[in-house]
Amino acid sequence: MSFGAVVRDKRKALGIGLNDFSERLGISPAYWSRIERGHEKPPRDELIERAAAILGERLDDLFVQAERLPPDMRRDMGKVVLAYRRMRAIGFR
């Protein structure tokens, strides 16, 4: 499922309307609607962080849905890759 579809499902499950959600994010409903429908790529990091807070979701989970590393992990890219490779080598999935 795409980032936008996951966020839309969570937003609707909480009973938050598109207009209210986009207003809380500080963006236009039209832009957020395009994201939810998969016509736009996942938004910039700050919007993902705000969306996670509004939805009560773990930040890491939304970044995974957006298919990108959270900002703090990007700063430690070498360590992240090394940890991943070590875990794969011992069979962790």
PDB file of N, CA and C in Angstrom:
ATOM      1  N   MET A   1       0.843  -1.167   0.000  1.00  0.00           N
ATOM      2  CA  MET A   1       0.000   0.000   0.000  1.00  0.00           C
ATOM      3  C   MET A   1       0.897   1.243   0.000  1.00  0.00           C
ATOM      4  N   SER A   2       0.526   2.260  -0.734  1.00  0.00           N
ATOM      5  CA  SER A   2       1.334   3.472  -0.858  1.00  0.00           C
ATOM      6  C   SER A   2       1.253   4.327   0.403  1.00  0.00           C
ATOM      7  N   PHE A   3       2.201   5.237   0.524  1.00  0.00           N
ATOM      8  CA  PHE A   3       2.213   6.181   1.650  1.00  0.00           C
ATOM      9  C   PHE A   3       0.862   6.888   1.764  1.00  0.00           C
ATOM     10  N   GLY A   4       0.406   7.463   0.670  1.00  0.00           N
ATOM     11  CA  GLY A   4      -0.841   8.226   0.689  1.00  0.00           C
ATOM     12  C   GLY A   4      -2.035   7.386   1.100  1.00  0.00           C
ATOM     13  N   ALA A   5      -2.109   6.158   0.602  1.00  0.00           N
ATOM     14  CA  ALA A   5      -3.230   5.283   0.945  1.00  0.00           C
ATOM     15  C   ALA A   5      -3.210   4.916   2.422  1.00  0.00           C
ATOM     16  N   VAL A   6      -2.032   4.661   2.969  1.00  0.00           N
ATOM     17  CA  VAL A   6      -1.909   4.329   4.391  1.00  0.00           C
ATOM     18  C   VAL A   6      -2.363   5.508   5.237  1.00  0.00           C
ATOM     19  N   VAL A   7      -1.888   6.703   4.906  1.00  0.00           N
ATOM     20  CA  VAL A   7      -2.274   7.889   5.670  1.00  0.00           C
ATOM     21  C   VAL A   7      -3.778   8.143   5.542  1.00  0.00           C
ATOM     22  N   ARG A   8      -4.309   8.000   4.344  1.00  0.00           N
ATOM     23  CA  ARG A   8      -5.747   8.208   4.145  1.00  0.00           C
ATOM     24  C   ARG A   8      -6.561   7.248   5.011  1.00  0.00           C
ATOM     25  N   ASP A   9      -6.173   5.971   5.021  1.00  0.00           N
ATOM     26  CA  ASP A   9      -6.896   4.987   5.828  1.00  0.00           C
ATOM     27  C   ASP A   9      -6.838   5.331   7.316  1.00  0.00           C
ATOM     28  N   LYS A  10      -5.676   5.729   7.798  1.00  0.00           N
ATOM     29  CA  LYS A  10      -5.524   6.083   9.211  1.00  0.00           C
ATOM     30  C   LYS A  10      -6.307   7.352   9.530  1.00  0.00           C
ATOM     31  N   ARG A  11      -6.255   8.329   8.638  1.00  0.00           N
ATOM     32  CA  ARG A  11      -6.973   9.587   8.824  1.00  0.00           C
ATOM     33  C   ARG A  11      -8.478   9.325   8.912  1.00  0.00           C
ATOM     34  N   LYS A  12      -8.979   8.532   7.982  1.00  0.00           N
ATOM     35  CA  LYS A  12     -10.415   8.228   7.963  1.00  0.00           C
ATOM     36  C   LYS A  12     -10.833   7.418   9.189  1.00  0.00           C
ATOM     37  N   ALA A  13      -9.987   6.487   9.607  1.00  0.00           N
ATOM     38  CA  ALA A  13     -10.299   5.676  10.787  1.00  0.00           C
ATOM     39  C   ALA A  13     -10.431   6.547  12.037  1.00  0.00           C
ATOM     40  N   LEU A  14      -9.702   7.655  12.063  1.00  0.00           N
ATOM     41  CA  LEU A  14      -9.780   8.582  13.194  1.00  0.00           C
ATOM     42  C   LEU A  14     -10.895   9.615  13.023  1.00  0.00           C
ATOM     43  N   GLY A  15     -11.568   9.578  11.877  1.00  0.00           N
ATOM     44  CA  GLY A  15     -12.654  10.521  11.624  1.00  0.00           C
ATOM     45  C   GLY A  15     -12.191  11.935  11.337  1.00  0.00           C
ATOM     46  N   ILE A  16     -10.985  12.056  10.806  1.00  0.00           N
ATOM     47  CA  ILE A  16     -10.443  13.374  10.470  1.00  0.00           C
ATOM     48  C   ILE A  16     -10.691  13.631   8.989  1.00  0.00           C
ATOM     49  N   GLY A  17     -11.381  14.699   8.673  1.00  0.00           N
ATOM     50  CA  GLY A  17     -11.658  15.043   7.281  1.00  0.00           C
ATOM     51  C   GLY A  17     -10.418  15.559   6.565  1.00  0.00           C
ATOM     52  N   LEU A  18     -10.432  15.447   5.268  1.00  0.00           N
ATOM     53  CA  LEU A  18      -9.307  15.901   4.445  1.00  0.00           C
ATOM     54  C   LEU A  18      -9.009  17.381   4.673  1.00  0.00           C
ATOM     55  N   ASN A  19     -10.042  18.213   4.701  1.00  0.00           N
ATOM     56  CA  ASN A  19      -9.822  19.651   4.884  1.00  0.00           C
ATOM     57  C   ASN A  19      -9.210  19.951   6.249  1.00  0.00           C
ATOM     58  N   ASP A  20      -9.716  19.305   7.285  1.00  0.00           N
ATOM     59  CA  ASP A  20      -9.184  19.508   8.630  1.00  0.00           C
ATOM     60  C   ASP A  20      -7.738  19.042   8.707  1.00  0.00           C
ATOM     61  N   PHE A  21      -7.466  17.866   8.155  1.00  0.00           N
ATOM     62  CA  PHE A  21      -6.118  17.310   8.195  1.00  0.00           C
ATOM     63  C   PHE A  21      -5.133  18.219   7.474  1.00  0.00           C
ATOM     64  N   SER A  22      -5.474  18.633   6.278  1.00  0.00           N
ATOM     65  CA  SER A  22      -4.557  19.482   5.518  1.00  0.00           C
ATOM     66  C   SER A  22      -4.376  20.841   6.188  1.00  0.00           C
ATOM     67  N   GLU A  23      -5.434  21.352   6.829  1.00  0.00           N
ATOM     68  CA  GLU A  23      -5.302  22.620   7.564  1.00  0.00           C
ATOM     69  C   GLU A  23      -4.314  22.457   8.722  1.00  0.00           C
ATOM     70  N   ARG A  24      -4.409  21.349   9.442  1.00  0.00           N
ATOM     71  CA  ARG A  24      -3.465  21.083  10.543  1.00  0.00           C
ATOM     72  C   ARG A  24      -2.033  20.973  10.030  1.00  0.00           C
ATOM     73  N   LEU A  25      -1.881  20.443   8.821  1.00  0.00           N
ATOM     74  CA  LEU A  25      -0.552  20.323   8.227  1.00  0.00           C
ATOM     75  C   LEU A  25      -0.045  21.650   7.670  1.00  0.00           C
ATOM     76  N   GLY A  26      -0.966  22.568   7.422  1.00  0.00           N
ATOM     77  CA  GLY A  26      -0.584  23.862   6.865  1.00  0.00           C
ATOM     78  C   GLY A  26      -0.398  23.842   5.361  1.00  0.00           C
ATOM     79  N   ILE A  27      -1.135  22.963   4.692  1.00  0.00           N
ATOM     80  CA  ILE A  27      -1.039  22.858   3.231  1.00  0.00           C
ATOM     81  C   ILE A  27      -2.445  22.833   2.632  1.00  0.00           C
ATOM     82  N   SER A  28      -2.515  22.895   1.313  1.00  0.00           N
ATOM     83  CA  SER A  28      -3.826  22.899   0.663  1.00  0.00           C
ATOM     84  C   SER A  28      -4.420  21.489   0.630  1.00  0.00           C
ATOM     85  N   PRO A  29      -5.739  21.403   0.747  1.00  0.00           N
ATOM     86  CA  PRO A  29      -6.404  20.098   0.637  1.00  0.00           C
ATOM     87  C   PRO A  29      -6.153  19.442  -0.720  1.00  0.00           C
ATOM     88  N   ALA A  30      -6.068  20.252  -1.765  1.00  0.00           N
ATOM     89  CA  ALA A  30      -5.838  19.696  -3.104  1.00  0.00           C
ATOM     90  C   ALA A  30      -4.492  18.971  -3.173  1.00  0.00           C
ATOM     91  N   TYR A  31      -3.454  19.581  -2.594  1.00  0.00           N
ATOM     92  CA  TYR A  31      -2.129  18.951  -2.598  1.00  0.00           C
ATOM     93  C   TYR A  31      -2.157  17.652  -1.796  1.00  0.00           C
ATOM     94  N   TRP A  32      -2.760  17.681  -0.594  1.00  0.00           N
ATOM     95  CA  TRP A  32      -2.780  16.462   0.215  1.00  0.00           C
ATOM     96  C   TRP A  32      -3.629  15.379  -0.439  1.00  0.00           C
ATOM     97  N   SER A  33      -4.686  15.770  -1.097  1.00  0.00           N
ATOM     98  CA  SER A  33      -5.514  14.799  -1.809  1.00  0.00           C
ATOM     99  C   SER A  33      -4.699  14.097  -2.897  1.00  0.00           C
ATOM    100  N   ARG A  34      -3.871  14.847  -3.604  1.00  0.00           N
ATOM    101  CA  ARG A  34      -3.016  14.242  -4.641  1.00  0.00           C
ATOM    102  C   ARG A  34      -2.030  13.251  -4.020  1.00  0.00           C
ATOM    103  N   ILE A  35      -1.522  13.572  -2.833  1.00  0.00           N
ATOM    104  CA  ILE A  35      -0.617  12.644  -2.146  1.00  0.00           C
ATOM    105  C   ILE A  35      -1.371  11.371  -1.789  1.00  0.00           C
ATOM    106  N   GLU A  36      -2.538  11.526  -1.192  1.00  0.00           N
ATOM    107  CA  GLU A  36      -3.308  10.352  -0.776  1.00  0.00           C
ATOM    108  C   GLU A  36      -3.710   9.479  -1.957  1.00  0.00           C
ATOM    109  N   ARG A  37      -3.940  10.088  -3.104  1.00  0.00           N
ATOM    110  CA  ARG A  37      -4.340   9.305  -4.282  1.00  0.00           C
ATOM    111  C   ARG A  37      -3.149   8.781  -5.071  1.00  0.00           C
ATOM    112  N   GLY A  38      -1.941   9.076  -4.610  1.00  0.00           N
ATOM    113  CA  GLY A  38      -0.742   8.578  -5.268  1.00  0.00           C
ATOM    114  C   GLY A  38      -0.324   9.361  -6.490  1.00  0.00           C
ATOM    115  N   HIS A  39      -0.853  10.570  -6.645  1.00  0.00           N
ATOM    116  CA  HIS A  39      -0.478  11.416  -7.778  1.00  0.00           C
ATOM    117  C   HIS A  39       0.721  12.299  -7.475  1.00  0.00           C
ATOM    118  N   GLU A  40       1.131  12.310  -6.221  1.00  0.00           N
ATOM    119  CA  GLU A  40       2.316  13.041  -5.775  1.00  0.00           C
ATOM    120  C   GLU A  40       3.167  12.078  -4.966  1.00  0.00           C
ATOM    121  N   LYS A  41       4.470  12.328  -4.953  1.00  0.00           N
ATOM    122  CA  LYS A  41       5.361  11.556  -4.092  1.00  0.00           C
ATOM    123  C   LYS A  41       5.067  11.921  -2.636  1.00  0.00           C
ATOM    124  N   PRO A  42       5.518  11.087  -1.689  1.00  0.00           N
ATOM    125  CA  PRO A  42       5.364  11.473  -0.285  1.00  0.00           C
ATOM    126  C   PRO A  42       5.973  12.866  -0.058  1.00  0.00           C
ATOM    127  N   PRO A  43       5.396  13.622   0.858  1.00  0.00           N
ATOM    128  CA  PRO A  43       5.826  15.009   1.053  1.00  0.00           C
ATOM    129  C   PRO A  43       7.166  15.118   1.768  1.00  0.00           C
ATOM    130  N   ARG A  44       7.590  16.353   1.958  1.00  0.00           N
ATOM    131  CA  ARG A  44       8.857  16.615   2.663  1.00  0.00           C
ATOM    132  C   ARG A  44       8.768  16.098   4.102  1.00  0.00           C
ATOM    133  N   ASP A  45       9.925  15.914   4.693  1.00  0.00           N
ATOM    134  CA  ASP A  45      10.037  15.310   6.025  1.00  0.00           C
ATOM    135  C   ASP A  45       9.161  15.987   7.071  1.00  0.00           C
ATOM    136  N   GLU A  46       9.133  17.313   7.074  1.00  0.00           N
ATOM    137  CA  GLU A  46       8.378  18.040   8.093  1.00  0.00           C
ATOM    138  C   GLU A  46       6.892  17.679   8.057  1.00  0.00           C
ATOM    139  N   LEU A  47       6.361  17.486   6.849  1.00  0.00           N
ATOM    140  CA  LEU A  47       4.946  17.117   6.734  1.00  0.00           C
ATOM    141  C   LEU A  47       4.702  15.685   7.186  1.00  0.00           C
ATOM    142  N   ILE A  48       5.640  14.807   6.928  1.00  0.00           N
ATOM    143  CA  ILE A  48       5.510  13.435   7.414  1.00  0.00           C
ATOM    144  C   ILE A  48       5.534  13.439   8.940  1.00  0.00           C
ATOM    145  N   GLU A  49       6.416  14.242   9.520  1.00  0.00           N
ATOM    146  CA  GLU A  49       6.494  14.328  10.977  1.00  0.00           C
ATOM    147  C   GLU A  49       5.191  14.871  11.563  1.00  0.00           C
ATOM    148  N   ARG A  50       4.635  15.909  10.960  1.00  0.00           N
ATOM    149  CA  ARG A  50       3.368  16.479  11.446  1.00  0.00           C
ATOM    150  C   ARG A  50       2.220  15.484  11.284  1.00  0.00           C
ATOM    151  N   ALA A  51       2.197  14.788  10.141  1.00  0.00           N
ATOM    152  CA  ALA A  51       1.141  13.799   9.900  1.00  0.00           C
ATOM    153  C   ALA A  51       1.206  12.693  10.950  1.00  0.00           C
ATOM    154  N   ALA A  52       2.401  12.228  11.273  1.00  0.00           N
ATOM    155  CA  ALA A  52       2.552  11.184  12.292  1.00  0.00           C
ATOM    156  C   ALA A  52       2.009  11.665  13.636  1.00  0.00           C
ATOM    157  N   ALA A  53       2.304  12.909  13.985  1.00  0.00           N
ATOM    158  CA  ALA A  53       1.829  13.458  15.262  1.00  0.00           C
ATOM    159  C   ALA A  53       0.303  13.554  15.280  1.00  0.00           C
ATOM    160  N   ILE A  54      -0.280  14.028  14.207  1.00  0.00           N
ATOM    161  CA  ILE A  54      -1.736  14.169  14.132  1.00  0.00           C
ATOM    162  C   ILE A  54      -2.415  12.808  14.217  1.00  0.00           C
ATOM    163  N   LEU A  55      -1.835  11.830  13.542  1.00  0.00           N
ATOM    164  CA  LEU A  55      -2.437  10.498  13.480  1.00  0.00           C
ATOM    165  C   LEU A  55      -2.084   9.628  14.683  1.00  0.00           C
ATOM    166  N   GLY A  56      -1.130  10.091  15.502  1.00  0.00           N
ATOM    167  CA  GLY A  56      -0.695   9.284  16.636  1.00  0.00           C
ATOM    168  C   GLY A  56       0.080   8.056  16.211  1.00  0.00           C
ATOM    169  N   GLU A  57       0.786   8.184  15.098  1.00  0.00           N
ATOM    170  CA  GLU A  57       1.548   7.063  14.543  1.00  0.00           C
ATOM    171  C   GLU A  57       3.033   7.220  14.859  1.00  0.00           C
ATOM    172  N   ARG A  58       3.724   6.097  14.873  1.00  0.00           N
ATOM    173  CA  ARG A  58       5.181   6.154  15.048  1.00  0.00           C
ATOM    174  C   ARG A  58       5.802   6.805  13.817  1.00  0.00           C
ATOM    175  N   LEU A  59       6.701   7.731  14.061  1.00  0.00           N
ATOM    176  CA  LEU A  59       7.359   8.450  12.982  1.00  0.00           C
ATOM    177  C   LEU A  59       8.063   7.487  12.025  1.00  0.00           C
ATOM    178  N   ASP A  60       8.764   6.512  12.573  1.00  0.00           N
ATOM    179  CA  ASP A  60       9.480   5.550  11.733  1.00  0.00           C
ATOM    180  C   ASP A  60       8.541   4.823  10.778  1.00  0.00           C
ATOM    181  N   ASP A  61       7.337   4.482  11.254  1.00  0.00           N
ATOM    182  CA  ASP A  61       6.395   3.748  10.411  1.00  0.00           C
ATOM    183  C   ASP A  61       5.991   4.562   9.179  1.00  0.00           C
ATOM    184  N   LEU A  62       5.755   5.856   9.364  1.00  0.00           N
ATOM    185  CA  LEU A  62       5.375   6.669   8.201  1.00  0.00           C
ATOM    186  C   LEU A  62       6.552   6.886   7.260  1.00  0.00           C
ATOM    187  N   PHE A  63       7.762   7.009   7.800  1.00  0.00           N
ATOM    188  CA  PHE A  63       8.917   7.132   6.911  1.00  0.00           C
ATOM    189  C   PHE A  63       9.134   5.849   6.117  1.00  0.00           C
ATOM    190  N   VAL A  64       8.904   4.709   6.732  1.00  0.00           N
ATOM    191  CA  VAL A  64       9.004   3.436   5.998  1.00  0.00           C
ATOM    192  C   VAL A  64       7.974   3.416   4.878  1.00  0.00           C
ATOM    193  N   GLN A  65       6.750   3.842   5.163  1.00  0.00           N
ATOM    194  CA  GLN A  65       5.718   3.899   4.121  1.00  0.00           C
ATOM    195  C   GLN A  65       6.118   4.856   3.004  1.00  0.00           C
ATOM    196  N   ALA A  66       6.841   5.912   3.350  1.00  0.00           N
ATOM    197  CA  ALA A  66       7.302   6.878   2.350  1.00  0.00           C
ATOM    198  C   ALA A  66       8.542   6.365   1.614  1.00  0.00           C
ATOM    199  N   GLU A  67       9.042   5.192   2.027  1.00  0.00           N
ATOM    200  CA  GLU A  67      10.224   4.557   1.435  1.00  0.00           C
ATOM    201  C   GLU A  67      11.456   5.439   1.540  1.00  0.00           C
ATOM    202  N   ARG A  68      11.623   6.020   2.744  1.00  0.00           N
ATOM    203  CA  ARG A  68      12.850   6.768   3.018  1.00  0.00           C
ATOM    204  C   ARG A  68      13.212   6.633   4.491  1.00  0.00           C
ATOM    205  N   LEU A  69      14.486   6.843   4.758  1.00  0.00           N
ATOM    206  CA  LEU A  69      14.945   6.782   6.140  1.00  0.00           C
ATOM    207  C   LEU A  69      14.545   8.053   6.879  1.00  0.00           C
ATOM    208  N   PRO A  70      14.262   7.934   8.170  1.00  0.00           N
ATOM    209  CA  PRO A  70      14.024   9.136   8.961  1.00  0.00           C
ATOM    210  C   PRO A  70      15.276  10.014   8.957  1.00  0.00           C
ATOM    211  N   PRO A  71      15.108  11.322   9.124  1.00  0.00           N
ATOM    212  CA  PRO A  71      16.255  12.246   9.041  1.00  0.00           C
ATOM    213  C   PRO A  71      17.414  11.880   9.953  1.00  0.00           C
ATOM    214  N   ASP A  72      17.147  11.454  11.188  1.00  0.00           N
ATOM    215  CA  ASP A  72      18.249  11.129  12.091  1.00  0.00           C
ATOM    216  C   ASP A  72      19.057   9.941  11.592  1.00  0.00           C
ATOM    217  N   MET A  73      18.410   9.003  10.922  1.00  0.00           N
ATOM    218  CA  MET A  73      19.133   7.842  10.395  1.00  0.00           C
ATOM    219  C   MET A  73      19.949   8.215   9.162  1.00  0.00           C
ATOM    220  N   ARG A  74      19.484   9.176   8.389  1.00  0.00           N
ATOM    221  CA  ARG A  74      20.238   9.606   7.210  1.00  0.00           C
ATOM    222  C   ARG A  74      21.576  10.209   7.606  1.00  0.00           C
ATOM    223  N   ARG A  75      21.602  10.878   8.755  1.00  0.00           N
ATOM    224  CA  ARG A  75      22.860  11.472   9.218  1.00  0.00           C
ATOM    225  C   ARG A  75      23.864  10.396   9.612  1.00  0.00           C
ATOM    226  N   ASP A  76      23.365   9.214   9.953  1.00  0.00           N
ATOM    227  CA  ASP A  76      24.208   8.083  10.350  1.00  0.00           C
ATOM    228  C   ASP A  76      24.164   6.972   9.306  1.00  0.00           C
ATOM    229  N   MET A  77      24.097   7.336   8.049  1.00  0.00           N
ATOM    230  CA  MET A  77      23.894   6.364   6.974  1.00  0.00           C
ATOM    231  C   MET A  77      24.887   5.203   7.034  1.00  0.00           C
ATOM    232  N   GLY A  78      26.145   5.488   7.266  1.00  0.00           N
ATOM    233  CA  GLY A  78      27.145   4.420   7.318  1.00  0.00           C
ATOM    234  C   GLY A  78      26.838   3.404   8.403  1.00  0.00           C
ATOM    235  N   LYS A  79      26.455   3.889   9.575  1.00  0.00           N
ATOM    236  CA  LYS A  79      26.128   2.996  10.685  1.00  0.00           C
ATOM    237  C   LYS A  79      24.850   2.211  10.400  1.00  0.00           C
ATOM    238  N   VAL A  80      23.892   2.838   9.768  1.00  0.00           N
ATOM    239  CA  VAL A  80      22.632   2.165   9.439  1.00  0.00           C
ATOM    240  C   VAL A  80      22.891   1.014   8.473  1.00  0.00           C
ATOM    241  N   VAL A  81      23.667   1.266   7.445  1.00  0.00           N
ATOM    242  CA  VAL A  81      23.975   0.222   6.460  1.00  0.00           C
ATOM    243  C   VAL A  81      24.752  -0.908   7.119  1.00  0.00           C
ATOM    244  N   LEU A  82      25.723  -0.562   7.928  1.00  0.00           N
ATOM    245  CA  LEU A  82      26.523  -1.580   8.609  1.00  0.00           C
ATOM    246  C   LEU A  82      25.653  -2.431   9.532  1.00  0.00           C
ATOM    247  N   ALA A  83      24.775  -1.809  10.295  1.00  0.00           N
ATOM    248  CA  ALA A  83      23.884  -2.555  11.191  1.00  0.00           C
ATOM    249  C   ALA A  83      22.963  -3.476  10.394  1.00  0.00           C
ATOM    250  N   TYR A  84      22.434  -2.962   9.304  1.00  0.00           N
ATOM    251  CA  TYR A  84      21.559  -3.770   8.449  1.00  0.00           C
ATOM    252  C   TYR A  84      22.307  -4.994   7.918  1.00  0.00           C
ATOM    253  N   ARG A  85      23.504  -4.781   7.401  1.00  0.00           N
ATOM    254  CA  ARG A  85      24.285  -5.897   6.837  1.00  0.00           C
ATOM    255  C   ARG A  85      24.609  -6.932   7.915  1.00  0.00           C
ATOM    256  N   ARG A  86      24.956  -6.483   9.104  1.00  0.00           N
ATOM    257  CA  ARG A  86      25.270  -7.420  10.183  1.00  0.00           C
ATOM    258  C   ARG A  86      24.037  -8.232  10.578  1.00  0.00           C
ATOM    259  N   MET A  87      22.902  -7.574  10.655  1.00  0.00           N
ATOM    260  CA  MET A  87      21.682  -8.290  11.029  1.00  0.00           C
ATOM    261  C   MET A  87      21.290  -9.299   9.955  1.00  0.00           C
ATOM    262  N   ARG A  88      21.431  -8.930   8.707  1.00  0.00           N
ATOM    263  CA  ARG A  88      21.129  -9.874   7.612  1.00  0.00           C
ATOM    264  C   ARG A  88      22.081 -11.070   7.656  1.00  0.00           C
ATOM    265  N   ALA A  89      23.352 -10.813   7.995  1.00  0.00           N
ATOM    266  CA  ALA A  89      24.339 -11.885   8.017  1.00  0.00           C
ATOM    267  C   ALA A  89      24.016 -12.929   9.083  1.00  0.00           C
ATOM    268  N   ILE A  90      23.360 -12.521  10.166  1.00  0.00           N
ATOM    269  CA  ILE A  90      23.020 -13.487  11.214  1.00  0.00           C
ATOM    270  C   ILE A  90      21.609 -14.037  11.032  1.00  0.00           C
ATOM    271  N   GLY A  91      20.967 -13.674   9.924  1.00  0.00           N
ATOM    272  CA  GLY A  91      19.661 -14.237   9.591  1.00  0.00           C
ATOM    273  C   GLY A  91      18.465 -13.506  10.145  1.00  0.00           C
ATOM    274  N   PHE A  92      18.666 -12.309  10.672  1.00  0.00           N
ATOM    275  CA  PHE A  92      17.551 -11.514  11.194  1.00  0.00           C
ATOM    276  C   PHE A  92      16.735 -10.957  10.042  1.00  0.00           C
ATOM    277  N   ARG A  93      15.435 -11.112  10.099  1.00  0.00           N
ATOM    278  CA  ARG A  93      14.556 -10.601   9.029  1.00  0.00           C
ATOM    279  C   ARG A  93      13.497  -9.739   9.597  1.00  0.00           C
TER     280      ARG A  93
END
